[in-house]
Amino acid sequence: MRLAIDVLGIAAHLDAVVTGDDIRHGKPAPDVFLLCLQRLGMPADRCVVLEAAPQGVTAALAAGIPAVALTSSRPASLLGHAQLVVDRLSDLDPAKLARLIAQGLANP
């Protein structure tokens, strides 16, 4: 992960990094998202997870974080338990994300 961050030159844009090496249980357990919240010092109700896998959506919800599912690698039918399912990141905008955070884990 460190190599990818360095090659992409994005370290200055990241406030926290969590990898599989940092946690005991992988997705669909919520460990990765709970540790990320801890490292960021953020409550779950002020965050949104962007995920492309059903297990990731399940992990986000188990951590108490609303999930946006991207259909880039899985069909929407497998990601329907997310609060919002989109085909591409360009389908999102700050207003949609703000509404999602305000709604929390309730379905829109």
C-alpha atoms as a PDB file:
ATOM      1  CA  MET A   1       0.000   0.000   0.000  1.00  0.00           C
ATOM      2  CA  ARG A   2       2.792   2.403   0.885  1.00  0.00           C
ATOM      3  CA  LEU A   3       4.368   1.859  -2.561  1.00  0.00           C
ATOM      4  CA  ALA A   4       1.068   2.579  -4.332  1.00  0.00           C
ATOM      5  CA  ILE A   5       0.541   5.739  -2.280  1.00  0.00           C
ATOM      6  CA  ASP A   6       4.082   6.909  -3.042  1.00  0.00           C
ATOM      7  CA  VAL A   7       3.881   6.116  -6.761  1.00  0.00           C
ATOM      8  CA  LEU A   8       0.542   7.907  -7.065  1.00  0.00           C
ATOM      9  CA  GLY A   9       1.816  10.851  -5.025  1.00  0.00           C
ATOM     10  CA  ILE A  10      -1.319  11.027  -2.912  1.00  0.00           C
ATOM     11  CA  ALA A  11       0.071  10.830   0.636  1.00  0.00           C
ATOM     12  CA  ALA A  12      -0.642  14.513   1.300  1.00  0.00           C
ATOM     13  CA  HIS A  13      -4.331  13.895   0.504  1.00  0.00           C
ATOM     14  CA  LEU A  14      -4.793  11.013   2.954  1.00  0.00           C
ATOM     15  CA  ASP A  15      -5.557  11.496   6.620  1.00  0.00           C
ATOM     16  CA  ALA A  16      -5.504   7.782   7.444  1.00  0.00           C
ATOM     17  CA  VAL A  17      -4.553   4.499   5.824  1.00  0.00           C
ATOM     18  CA  VAL A  18      -5.780   1.087   6.945  1.00  0.00           C
ATOM     19  CA  THR A  19      -4.764  -2.160   5.280  1.00  0.00           C
ATOM     20  CA  GLY A  20      -5.469  -5.821   5.854  1.00  0.00           C
ATOM     21  CA  ASP A  21      -2.255  -6.005   7.885  1.00  0.00           C
ATOM     22  CA  ASP A  22      -3.772  -3.635  10.459  1.00  0.00           C
ATOM     23  CA  ILE A  23      -6.849  -5.693  11.300  1.00  0.00           C
ATOM     24  CA  ARG A  24      -7.704  -9.124  12.621  1.00  0.00           C
ATOM     25  CA  HIS A  25     -10.870  -9.828  10.625  1.00  0.00           C
ATOM     26  CA  GLY A  26     -11.412  -8.871   6.990  1.00  0.00           C
ATOM     27  CA  LYS A  27     -14.642  -7.878   5.333  1.00  0.00           C
ATOM     28  CA  PRO A  28     -17.516  -8.526   5.863  1.00  0.00           C
ATOM     29  CA  ALA A  29     -16.416  -7.869   9.459  1.00  0.00           C
ATOM     30  CA  PRO A  30     -16.431  -4.122  10.174  1.00  0.00           C
ATOM     31  CA  ASP A  31     -12.857  -4.032  11.555  1.00  0.00           C
ATOM     32  CA  VAL A  32     -11.281  -2.104   8.663  1.00  0.00           C
ATOM     33  CA  PHE A  33     -13.872   0.664   8.816  1.00  0.00           C
ATOM     34  CA  LEU A  34     -13.912   0.843  12.619  1.00  0.00           C
ATOM     35  CA  LEU A  35     -10.128   1.257  12.692  1.00  0.00           C
ATOM     36  CA  CYS A  36     -10.318   3.883   9.977  1.00  0.00           C
ATOM     37  CA  LEU A  37     -12.905   5.832  11.971  1.00  0.00           C
ATOM     38  CA  GLN A  38     -10.631   5.613  15.012  1.00  0.00           C
ATOM     39  CA  ARG A  39      -7.576   6.815  13.081  1.00  0.00           C
ATOM     40  CA  LEU A  40      -9.541   9.661  11.547  1.00  0.00           C
ATOM     41  CA  GLY A  41     -11.147  10.592  14.854  1.00  0.00           C
ATOM     42  CA  MET A  42     -14.517  10.663  13.102  1.00  0.00           C
ATOM     43  CA  PRO A  43     -17.907   9.306  14.184  1.00  0.00           C
ATOM     44  CA  ALA A  44     -19.587   6.842  11.830  1.00  0.00           C
ATOM     45  CA  ASP A  45     -22.548   9.160  11.323  1.00  0.00           C
ATOM     46  CA  ARG A  46     -20.302  11.763   9.652  1.00  0.00           C
ATOM     47  CA  CYS A  47     -18.869   9.371   7.067  1.00  0.00           C
ATOM     48  CA  VAL A  48     -19.795   7.488   3.907  1.00  0.00           C
ATOM     49  CA  VAL A  49     -18.126   4.377   2.511  1.00  0.00           C
ATOM     50  CA  LEU A  50     -17.720   3.893  -1.243  1.00  0.00           C
ATOM     51  CA  GLU A  51     -17.625   0.162  -2.004  1.00  0.00           C
ATOM     52  CA  ALA A  52     -17.692  -2.092  -5.038  1.00  0.00           C
ATOM     53  CA  ALA A  53     -18.129  -5.431  -3.266  1.00  0.00           C
ATOM     54  CA  PRO A  54     -21.092  -6.863  -1.358  1.00  0.00           C
ATOM     55  CA  GLN A  55     -18.809  -7.824   1.556  1.00  0.00           C
ATOM     56  CA  GLY A  56     -17.583  -4.241   1.776  1.00  0.00           C
ATOM     57  CA  VAL A  57     -21.116  -2.869   1.883  1.00  0.00           C
ATOM     58  CA  THR A  58     -21.939  -5.358   4.643  1.00  0.00           C
ATOM     59  CA  ALA A  59     -18.805  -4.312   6.576  1.00  0.00           C
ATOM     60  CA  ALA A  60     -19.643  -0.614   6.258  1.00  0.00           C
ATOM     61  CA  LEU A  61     -23.185  -1.147   7.515  1.00  0.00           C
ATOM     62  CA  ALA A  62     -21.908  -3.280  10.404  1.00  0.00           C
ATOM     63  CA  ALA A  63     -19.626  -0.356  11.336  1.00  0.00           C
ATOM     64  CA  GLY A  64     -22.645   1.954  11.333  1.00  0.00           C
ATOM     65  CA  ILE A  65     -21.556   3.842   8.204  1.00  0.00           C
ATOM     66  CA  PRO A  66     -23.871   4.502   5.242  1.00  0.00           C
ATOM     67  CA  ALA A  67     -22.634   2.854   2.043  1.00  0.00           C
ATOM     68  CA  VAL A  68     -22.559   3.920  -1.579  1.00  0.00           C
ATOM     69  CA  ALA A  69     -22.100   0.910  -3.845  1.00  0.00           C
ATOM     70  CA  LEU A  70     -20.329   1.245  -7.188  1.00  0.00           C
ATOM     71  CA  THR A  71     -21.354  -1.217  -9.869  1.00  0.00           C
ATOM     72  CA  SER A  72     -17.872  -1.198 -11.412  1.00  0.00           C
ATOM     73  CA  SER A  73     -17.194  -4.846 -10.582  1.00  0.00           C
ATOM     74  CA  ARG A  74     -20.510  -6.274  -9.366  1.00  0.00           C
ATOM     75  CA  PRO A  75     -24.095  -5.945 -10.601  1.00  0.00           C
ATOM     76  CA  ALA A  76     -26.480  -3.694  -8.706  1.00  0.00           C
ATOM     77  CA  SER A  77     -28.535  -6.744  -7.715  1.00  0.00           C
ATOM     78  CA  LEU A  78     -25.675  -7.856  -5.425  1.00  0.00           C
ATOM     79  CA  LEU A  79     -25.157  -4.393  -3.947  1.00  0.00           C
ATOM     80  CA  GLY A  80     -28.753  -3.445  -3.187  1.00  0.00           C
ATOM     81  CA  HIS A  81     -28.250  -3.431   0.577  1.00  0.00           C
ATOM     82  CA  ALA A  82     -26.288  -0.159   0.241  1.00  0.00           C
ATOM     83  CA  GLN A  83     -28.129   3.100   0.846  1.00  0.00           C
ATOM     84  CA  LEU A  84     -27.232   4.244  -2.662  1.00  0.00           C
ATOM     85  CA  VAL A  85     -26.076   2.296  -5.748  1.00  0.00           C
ATOM     86  CA  VAL A  86     -24.395   4.151  -8.609  1.00  0.00           C
ATOM     87  CA  ASP A  87     -22.754   3.088 -11.851  1.00  0.00           C
ATOM     88  CA  ARG A  88     -19.888   5.593 -11.705  1.00  0.00           C
ATOM     89  CA  LEU A  89     -18.370   8.127  -9.338  1.00  0.00           C
ATOM     90  CA  SER A  90     -19.559  10.938 -11.597  1.00  0.00           C
ATOM     91  CA  ASP A  91     -23.115   9.992 -10.522  1.00  0.00           C
ATOM     92  CA  LEU A  92     -22.258  11.395  -7.091  1.00  0.00           C
ATOM     93  CA  ASP A  93     -22.090  14.994  -6.008  1.00  0.00           C
ATOM     94  CA  PRO A  94     -21.588  16.698  -2.641  1.00  0.00           C
ATOM     95  CA  ALA A  95     -25.334  17.267  -2.193  1.00  0.00           C
ATOM     96  CA  LYS A  96     -26.128  13.545  -2.633  1.00  0.00           C
ATOM     97  CA  LEU A  97     -23.424  12.590  -0.148  1.00  0.00           C
ATOM     98  CA  ALA A  98     -24.633  15.198   2.347  1.00  0.00           C
ATOM     99  CA  ARG A  99     -28.210  13.840   2.094  1.00  0.00           C
ATOM    100  CA  LEU A 100     -26.918  10.323   2.600  1.00  0.00           C
ATOM    101  CA  ILE A 101     -25.014  11.329   5.724  1.00  0.00           C
ATOM    102  CA  ALA A 102     -28.068  13.183   7.052  1.00  0.00           C
ATOM    103  CA  GLN A 103     -30.233  10.104   6.495  1.00  0.00           C
ATOM    104  CA  GLY A 104     -27.710   7.816   8.149  1.00  0.00           C
ATOM    105  CA  LEU A 105     -28.463   4.122   7.802  1.00  0.00           C
ATOM    106  CA  ALA A 106     -32.107   4.728   6.871  1.00  0.00           C
ATOM    107  CA  ASN A 107     -32.816   3.858   3.268  1.00  0.00           C
ATOM    108  CA  PRO A 108     -33.341   6.947   1.075  1.00  0.00           C
END
